[in-house]
């Protein structure tokens, strides 16, 4: 009996050690995840007033980048009184791109009128400069950009069906109906809506007639 009790005690000691090691590993993983999330948040906060201009051909001769961008924004947004204040303006550094790849963006650091510029760009819907389409974006982190790219196929489909939509930070897509806004957190859920619309065979200005019940990846807002 004493030998058996000793063996059971040894087994319990071994189990306790393994449980303790597992808890330490799990706690370490949670700590690493928290640190990673905190680092990502710091990146976002440090870039919240940065603006990206996409579409300026790299062969364009630019003697003074600040003056060029100031005039470019006035031409694109049609606002002579546009207040241009940025700490620094430069083209993003990146590895050599393949032929036919889009030009590297121009970055405005701590641009004071970023919100006004983005709102005006959204109102105009299309920005043209020297026959080239331009785009204005917030300076999102790589993690946020990758998450948003997953919605591109769904956004193209929604545009084909004339459905109004917009991206929300960090990576959510809202789709406007007659009286409701459906917010999607998963691109697959958006494609379910699109497939439902395609099967209905109707092209409508509102997705409400093609509405599907929301699941855990989408919310409805009146």
C-alpha atoms as a PDB file:
ATOM      1  CA  UNK A   1       0.000   0.000   0.000  1.00  0.00           C
ATOM      2  CA  UNK A   2       2.885   2.341   0.877  1.00  0.00           C
ATOM      3  CA  UNK A   3       4.559   1.659  -2.483  1.00  0.00           C
ATOM      4  CA  UNK A   4       1.302   2.292  -4.319  1.00  0.00           C
ATOM      5  CA  UNK A   5       0.736   5.550  -2.427  1.00  0.00           C
ATOM      6  CA  UNK A   6       4.270   6.658  -3.312  1.00  0.00           C
ATOM      7  CA  UNK A   7       3.640   5.890  -6.994  1.00  0.00           C
ATOM      8  CA  UNK A   8       0.357   7.819  -6.933  1.00  0.00           C
ATOM      9  CA  UNK A   9       2.144  10.744  -5.275  1.00  0.00           C
ATOM     10  CA  UNK A  10       4.802  10.696  -8.007  1.00  0.00           C
ATOM     11  CA  UNK A  11       2.102  10.645 -10.701  1.00  0.00           C
ATOM     12  CA  UNK A  12       0.319  13.589  -9.074  1.00  0.00           C
ATOM     13  CA  UNK A  13       3.570  15.526  -8.837  1.00  0.00           C
ATOM     14  CA  UNK A  14       4.235  14.909 -12.545  1.00  0.00           C
ATOM     15  CA  UNK A  15       0.701  15.963 -13.479  1.00  0.00           C
ATOM     16  CA  UNK A  16       0.983  19.135 -11.420  1.00  0.00           C
ATOM     17  CA  UNK A  17       4.278  20.005 -13.131  1.00  0.00           C
ATOM     18  CA  UNK A  18       2.789  19.489 -16.598  1.00  0.00           C
ATOM     19  CA  UNK A  19      -0.280  21.561 -15.715  1.00  0.00           C
ATOM     20  CA  UNK A  20       1.942  24.311 -14.324  1.00  0.00           C
ATOM     21  CA  UNK A  21       4.101  24.295 -17.460  1.00  0.00           C
ATOM     22  CA  UNK A  22       0.998  24.438 -19.670  1.00  0.00           C
ATOM     23  CA  UNK A  23      -0.402  27.374 -17.694  1.00  0.00           C
ATOM     24  CA  UNK A  24       2.930  29.201 -17.993  1.00  0.00           C
ATOM     25  CA  UNK A  25       2.993  28.680 -21.751  1.00  0.00           C
ATOM     26  CA  UNK A  26      -0.626  29.800 -22.079  1.00  0.00           C
ATOM     27  CA  UNK A  27      -0.014  32.878 -19.944  1.00  0.00           C
ATOM     28  CA  UNK A  28       3.066  33.670 -22.006  1.00  0.00           C
ATOM     29  CA  UNK A  29       1.059  33.381 -25.218  1.00  0.00           C
ATOM     30  CA  UNK A  30      -1.645  35.700 -23.882  1.00  0.00           C
ATOM     31  CA  UNK A  31       1.006  38.188 -22.801  1.00  0.00           C
ATOM     32  CA  UNK A  32       2.625  38.084 -26.232  1.00  0.00           C
ATOM     33  CA  UNK A  33      -0.776  38.616 -27.867  1.00  0.00           C
ATOM     34  CA  UNK A  34      -1.476  41.599 -25.608  1.00  0.00           C
ATOM     35  CA  UNK A  35       1.922  43.110 -26.386  1.00  0.00           C
ATOM     36  CA  UNK A  36       1.363  42.615 -30.104  1.00  0.00           C
ATOM     37  CA  UNK A  37      -2.073  44.260 -29.901  1.00  0.00           C
ATOM     38  CA  UNK A  38      -0.600  47.141 -27.912  1.00  0.00           C
ATOM     39  CA  UNK A  39       2.190  47.623 -30.463  1.00  0.00           C
ATOM     40  CA  UNK A  40      -0.340  47.631 -33.310  1.00  0.00           C
ATOM     41  CA  UNK A  41      -2.425  50.246 -31.483  1.00  0.00           C
ATOM     42  CA  UNK A  42       0.649  52.445 -31.024  1.00  0.00           C
ATOM     43  CA  UNK A  43       1.359  52.199 -34.756  1.00  0.00           C
ATOM     44  CA  UNK A  44      -2.210  53.207 -35.563  1.00  0.00           C
ATOM     45  CA  UNK A  45      -2.137  56.170 -33.192  1.00  0.00           C
ATOM     46  CA  UNK A  46       1.182  57.409 -34.565  1.00  0.00           C
ATOM     47  CA  UNK A  47      -0.187  57.308 -38.141  1.00  0.00           C
ATOM     48  CA  UNK A  48      -3.725  58.564 -37.566  1.00  0.00           C
ATOM     49  CA  UNK A  49      -3.027  61.958 -39.232  1.00  0.00           C
ATOM     50  CA  UNK A  50      -0.965  60.614 -42.133  1.00  0.00           C
ATOM     51  CA  UNK A  51      -2.377  60.683 -45.667  1.00  0.00           C
ATOM     52  CA  UNK A  52      -1.414  58.559 -48.674  1.00  0.00           C
ATOM     53  CA  UNK A  53      -1.746  59.802 -52.243  1.00  0.00           C
ATOM     54  CA  UNK A  54      -1.813  56.935 -54.726  1.00  0.00           C
ATOM     55  CA  UNK A  55      -1.452  57.276 -58.487  1.00  0.00           C
ATOM     56  CA  UNK A  56       1.272  59.897 -59.055  1.00  0.00           C
ATOM     57  CA  UNK A  57       3.533  58.391 -61.727  1.00  0.00           C
ATOM     58  CA  UNK A  58       7.080  58.028 -60.468  1.00  0.00           C
ATOM     59  CA  UNK A  59       8.537  59.479 -63.647  1.00  0.00           C
ATOM     60  CA  UNK A  60       6.763  62.783 -62.946  1.00  0.00           C
ATOM     61  CA  UNK A  61       9.356  65.515 -62.452  1.00  0.00           C
ATOM     62  CA  UNK A  62       8.969  67.036 -59.000  1.00  0.00           C
ATOM     63  CA  UNK A  63      11.388  69.782 -57.980  1.00  0.00           C
ATOM     64  CA  UNK A  64       9.653  70.622 -54.711  1.00  0.00           C
ATOM     65  CA  UNK A  65       7.520  67.824 -53.265  1.00  0.00           C
ATOM     66  CA  UNK A  66       5.663  70.044 -50.769  1.00  0.00           C
ATOM     67  CA  UNK A  67       4.595  72.599 -53.391  1.00  0.00           C
ATOM     68  CA  UNK A  68       3.735  69.860 -55.868  1.00  0.00           C
ATOM     69  CA  UNK A  69       1.450  68.067 -53.399  1.00  0.00           C
ATOM     70  CA  UNK A  70      -0.153  71.318 -52.269  1.00  0.00           C
ATOM     71  CA  UNK A  71      -1.067  72.199 -55.856  1.00  0.00           C
ATOM     72  CA  UNK A  72      -2.087  68.604 -56.579  1.00  0.00           C
ATOM     73  CA  UNK A  73      -4.567  68.540 -53.711  1.00  0.00           C
ATOM     74  CA  UNK A  74      -6.044  71.863 -54.792  1.00  0.00           C
ATOM     75  CA  UNK A  75      -6.462  70.568 -58.354  1.00  0.00           C
ATOM     76  CA  UNK A  76      -7.930  67.249 -57.242  1.00  0.00           C
ATOM     77  CA  UNK A  77     -10.275  68.554 -54.566  1.00  0.00           C
ATOM     78  CA  UNK A  78     -11.189  71.841 -56.238  1.00  0.00           C
ATOM     79  CA  UNK A  79     -10.585  73.935 -53.139  1.00  0.00           C
ATOM     80  CA  UNK A  80      -8.458  77.053 -53.645  1.00  0.00           C
ATOM     81  CA  UNK A  81      -8.626  77.786 -49.941  1.00  0.00           C
ATOM     82  CA  UNK A  82      -7.387  74.317 -49.002  1.00  0.00           C
ATOM     83  CA  UNK A  83      -5.064  74.634 -46.017  1.00  0.00           C
ATOM     84  CA  UNK A  84      -1.914  72.623 -46.659  1.00  0.00           C
ATOM     85  CA  UNK A  85      -0.001  71.824 -43.478  1.00  0.00           C
ATOM     86  CA  UNK A  86       2.125  68.692 -43.226  1.00  0.00           C
ATOM     87  CA  UNK A  87       5.282  68.025 -41.264  1.00  0.00           C
ATOM     88  CA  UNK A  88       6.900  66.108 -44.118  1.00  0.00           C
ATOM     89  CA  UNK A  89       6.055  64.921 -47.629  1.00  0.00           C
ATOM     90  CA  UNK A  90       7.892  62.098 -49.380  1.00  0.00           C
ATOM     91  CA  UNK A  91       7.367  59.116 -51.623  1.00  0.00           C
ATOM     92  CA  UNK A  92       7.338  55.840 -49.719  1.00  0.00           C
ATOM     93  CA  UNK A  93      10.440  53.711 -49.883  1.00  0.00           C
ATOM     94  CA  UNK A  94       9.796  50.211 -51.204  1.00  0.00           C
ATOM     95  CA  UNK A  95      11.629  47.418 -53.029  1.00  0.00           C
ATOM     96  CA  UNK A  96      11.964  47.666 -56.799  1.00  0.00           C
ATOM     97  CA  UNK A  97       8.566  46.911 -58.288  1.00  0.00           C
ATOM     98  CA  UNK A  98       7.753  44.859 -61.360  1.00  0.00           C
ATOM     99  CA  UNK A  99       6.890  46.600 -64.656  1.00  0.00           C
ATOM    100  CA  UNK A 100       3.243  47.643 -64.707  1.00  0.00           C
ATOM    101  CA  UNK A 101       2.966  47.794 -60.928  1.00  0.00           C
ATOM    102  CA  UNK A 102       1.218  50.870 -59.471  1.00  0.00           C
ATOM    103  CA  UNK A 103       3.507  53.749 -58.467  1.00  0.00           C
ATOM    104  CA  UNK A 104       4.628  53.978 -54.860  1.00  0.00           C
ATOM    105  CA  UNK A 105       2.362  56.239 -52.782  1.00  0.00           C
ATOM    106  CA  UNK A 106       3.267  59.732 -51.610  1.00  0.00           C
ATOM    107  CA  UNK A 107       2.986  60.076 -47.841  1.00  0.00           C
ATOM    108  CA  UNK A 108       2.008  63.217 -45.946  1.00  0.00           C
ATOM    109  CA  UNK A 109       3.095  63.036 -42.314  1.00  0.00           C
ATOM    110  CA  UNK A 110       0.804  64.572 -39.707  1.00  0.00           C
ATOM    111  CA  UNK A 111      -1.396  66.248 -42.316  1.00  0.00           C
ATOM    112  CA  UNK A 112      -3.659  68.710 -40.493  1.00  0.00           C
ATOM    113  CA  UNK A 113      -6.497  68.627 -43.054  1.00  0.00           C
ATOM    114  CA  UNK A 114      -6.571  64.861 -43.561  1.00  0.00           C
ATOM    115  CA  UNK A 115     -10.203  64.380 -42.514  1.00  0.00           C
ATOM    116  CA  UNK A 116     -11.382  67.259 -44.717  1.00  0.00           C
ATOM    117  CA  UNK A 117      -9.402  65.944 -47.683  1.00  0.00           C
ATOM    118  CA  UNK A 118     -10.799  62.416 -47.323  1.00  0.00           C
ATOM    119  CA  UNK A 119     -14.351  63.706 -46.962  1.00  0.00           C
ATOM    120  CA  UNK A 120     -14.008  65.882 -50.071  1.00  0.00           C
ATOM    121  CA  UNK A 121     -12.515  62.982 -52.028  1.00  0.00           C
ATOM    122  CA  UNK A 122     -15.457  60.787 -51.025  1.00  0.00           C
ATOM    123  CA  UNK A 123     -17.888  63.458 -52.198  1.00  0.00           C
ATOM    124  CA  UNK A 124     -16.176  63.733 -55.603  1.00  0.00           C
ATOM    125  CA  UNK A 125     -15.928  59.912 -55.956  1.00  0.00           C
ATOM    126  CA  UNK A 126     -13.412  60.214 -58.824  1.00  0.00           C
ATOM    127  CA  UNK A 127     -10.115  62.116 -58.736  1.00  0.00           C
ATOM    128  CA  UNK A 128      -8.199  62.795 -61.950  1.00  0.00           C
ATOM    129  CA  UNK A 129      -4.786  64.373 -62.508  1.00  0.00           C
ATOM    130  CA  UNK A 130      -3.134  64.574 -65.934  1.00  0.00           C
ATOM    131  CA  UNK A 131      -5.495  61.875 -67.170  1.00  0.00           C
ATOM    132  CA  UNK A 132      -4.573  59.506 -64.336  1.00  0.00           C
ATOM    133  CA  UNK A 133      -6.901  58.343 -61.574  1.00  0.00           C
ATOM    134  CA  UNK A 134      -5.747  59.363 -58.113  1.00  0.00           C
ATOM    135  CA  UNK A 135      -6.779  57.998 -54.711  1.00  0.00           C
ATOM    136  CA  UNK A 136      -6.467  59.305 -51.158  1.00  0.00           C
ATOM    137  CA  UNK A 137      -6.192  56.919 -48.213  1.00  0.00           C
ATOM    138  CA  UNK A 138      -5.400  57.068 -44.511  1.00  0.00           C
ATOM    139  CA  UNK A 139      -1.990  55.646 -43.676  1.00  0.00           C
ATOM    140  CA  UNK A 140      -3.157  52.295 -42.316  1.00  0.00           C
ATOM    141  CA  UNK A 141      -0.755  49.727 -40.903  1.00  0.00           C
ATOM    142  CA  UNK A 142       0.097  46.649 -42.971  1.00  0.00           C
ATOM    143  CA  UNK A 143      -2.132  44.494 -40.754  1.00  0.00           C
ATOM    144  CA  UNK A 144      -5.158  46.728 -41.355  1.00  0.00           C
ATOM    145  CA  UNK A 145      -4.419  46.985 -45.088  1.00  0.00           C
ATOM    146  CA  UNK A 146      -4.243  43.198 -45.432  1.00  0.00           C
ATOM    147  CA  UNK A 147      -7.561  42.798 -43.592  1.00  0.00           C
ATOM    148  CA  UNK A 148      -9.230  45.377 -45.862  1.00  0.00           C
ATOM    149  CA  UNK A 149      -7.890  43.792 -49.054  1.00  0.00           C
ATOM    150  CA  UNK A 150      -9.923  40.672 -48.268  1.00  0.00           C
ATOM    151  CA  UNK A 151     -13.093  42.712 -48.943  1.00  0.00           C
ATOM    152  CA  UNK A 152     -12.045  43.793 -52.473  1.00  0.00           C
ATOM    153  CA  UNK A 153     -13.864  40.987 -54.393  1.00  0.00           C
ATOM    154  CA  UNK A 154     -17.042  41.605 -52.408  1.00  0.00           C
ATOM    155  CA  UNK A 155     -16.833  45.366 -53.001  1.00  0.00           C
ATOM    156  CA  UNK A 156     -16.515  44.814 -56.746  1.00  0.00           C
ATOM    157  CA  UNK A 157     -19.638  42.643 -56.695  1.00  0.00           C
ATOM    158  CA  UNK A 158     -21.564  45.195 -54.645  1.00  0.00           C
ATOM    159  CA  UNK A 159     -20.620  47.880 -57.160  1.00  0.00           C
ATOM    160  CA  UNK A 160     -21.998  45.695 -59.981  1.00  0.00           C
ATOM    161  CA  UNK A 161     -25.317  45.540 -58.112  1.00  0.00           C
ATOM    162  CA  UNK A 162     -25.350  49.306 -57.424  1.00  0.00           C
ATOM    163  CA  UNK A 163     -25.307  48.695 -53.684  1.00  0.00           C
ATOM    164  CA  UNK A 164     -24.045  51.549 -51.518  1.00  0.00           C
ATOM    165  CA  UNK A 165     -21.226  50.530 -49.198  1.00  0.00           C
ATOM    166  CA  UNK A 166     -18.294  51.914 -47.244  1.00  0.00           C
ATOM    167  CA  UNK A 167     -15.394  50.619 -45.175  1.00  0.00           C
ATOM    168  CA  UNK A 168     -15.240  51.189 -41.438  1.00  0.00           C
ATOM    169  CA  UNK A 169     -12.106  51.090 -39.334  1.00  0.00           C
ATOM    170  CA  UNK A 170     -10.318  48.806 -38.939  1.00  0.00           C
ATOM    171  CA  UNK A 171     -11.799  46.333 -41.440  1.00  0.00           C
ATOM    172  CA  UNK A 172     -15.597  46.269 -41.507  1.00  0.00           C
ATOM    173  CA  UNK A 173     -17.882  46.817 -44.471  1.00  0.00           C
ATOM    174  CA  UNK A 174     -21.304  48.400 -44.162  1.00  0.00           C
ATOM    175  CA  UNK A 175     -23.919  47.965 -46.870  1.00  0.00           C
ATOM    176  CA  UNK A 176     -26.794  50.441 -47.058  1.00  0.00           C
ATOM    177  CA  UNK A 177     -30.396  49.293 -47.572  1.00  0.00           C
ATOM    178  CA  UNK A 178     -33.658  51.256 -47.634  1.00  0.00           C
ATOM    179  CA  UNK A 179     -33.687  51.916 -43.891  1.00  0.00           C
ATOM    180  CA  UNK A 180     -30.996  49.610 -42.559  1.00  0.00           C
ATOM    181  CA  UNK A 181     -27.239  49.372 -42.603  1.00  0.00           C
ATOM    182  CA  UNK A 182     -25.760  45.889 -42.426  1.00  0.00           C
ATOM    183  CA  UNK A 183     -22.215  45.788 -41.031  1.00  0.00           C
ATOM    184  CA  UNK A 184     -20.037  42.864 -42.135  1.00  0.00           C
ATOM    185  CA  UNK A 185     -16.903  41.760 -40.321  1.00  0.00           C
ATOM    186  CA  UNK A 186     -16.228  38.759 -42.549  1.00  0.00           C
ATOM    187  CA  UNK A 187     -15.815  39.013 -46.359  1.00  0.00           C
ATOM    188  CA  UNK A 188     -17.436  35.578 -46.738  1.00  0.00           C
ATOM    189  CA  UNK A 189     -20.634  36.917 -45.198  1.00  0.00           C
ATOM    190  CA  UNK A 190     -20.726  39.700 -47.805  1.00  0.00           C
ATOM    191  CA  UNK A 191     -20.353  37.166 -50.596  1.00  0.00           C
ATOM    192  CA  UNK A 192     -23.354  35.289 -49.198  1.00  0.00           C
ATOM    193  CA  UNK A 193     -25.395  38.447 -49.711  1.00  0.00           C
ATOM    194  CA  UNK A 194     -24.024  38.856 -53.226  1.00  0.00           C
ATOM    195  CA  UNK A 195     -24.788  35.239 -54.161  1.00  0.00           C
ATOM    196  CA  UNK A 196     -28.302  35.662 -52.809  1.00  0.00           C
ATOM    197  CA  UNK A 197     -28.695  38.758 -55.005  1.00  0.00           C
ATOM    198  CA  UNK A 198     -27.369  36.944 -58.057  1.00  0.00           C
ATOM    199  CA  UNK A 199     -29.747  34.032 -57.538  1.00  0.00           C
ATOM    200  CA  UNK A 200     -32.647  36.469 -57.273  1.00  0.00           C
ATOM    201  CA  UNK A 201     -31.668  37.778 -60.696  1.00  0.00           C
ATOM    202  CA  UNK A 202     -32.490  41.373 -59.866  1.00  0.00           C
ATOM    203  CA  UNK A 203     -30.288  44.455 -60.058  1.00  0.00           C
ATOM    204  CA  UNK A 204     -31.572  46.905 -57.460  1.00  0.00           C
ATOM    205  CA  UNK A 205     -30.408  50.213 -56.008  1.00  0.00           C
ATOM    206  CA  UNK A 206     -31.014  48.773 -52.551  1.00  0.00           C
ATOM    207  CA  UNK A 207     -29.888  45.486 -51.046  1.00  0.00           C
ATOM    208  CA  UNK A 208     -32.893  45.282 -48.768  1.00  0.00           C
ATOM    209  CA  UNK A 209     -34.922  43.204 -51.209  1.00  0.00           C
ATOM    210  CA  UNK A 210     -31.995  40.785 -51.257  1.00  0.00           C
ATOM    211  CA  UNK A 211     -31.583  40.774 -47.499  1.00  0.00           C
ATOM    212  CA  UNK A 212     -30.352  37.710 -45.658  1.00  0.00           C
ATOM    213  CA  UNK A 213     -30.529  37.188 -41.937  1.00  0.00           C
ATOM    214  CA  UNK A 214     -27.363  38.400 -40.182  1.00  0.00           C
ATOM    215  CA  UNK A 215     -25.181  35.939 -38.334  1.00  0.00           C
ATOM    216  CA  UNK A 216     -22.246  36.428 -35.987  1.00  0.00           C
ATOM    217  CA  UNK A 217     -20.224  38.166 -38.682  1.00  0.00           C
ATOM    218  CA  UNK A 218     -22.660  41.017 -39.372  1.00  0.00           C
ATOM    219  CA  UNK A 219     -24.890  43.450 -37.502  1.00  0.00           C
ATOM    220  CA  UNK A 220     -27.936  45.453 -38.509  1.00  0.00           C
ATOM    221  CA  UNK A 221     -28.348  49.111 -37.629  1.00  0.00           C
ATOM    222  CA  UNK A 222     -31.592  51.014 -38.115  1.00  0.00           C
END
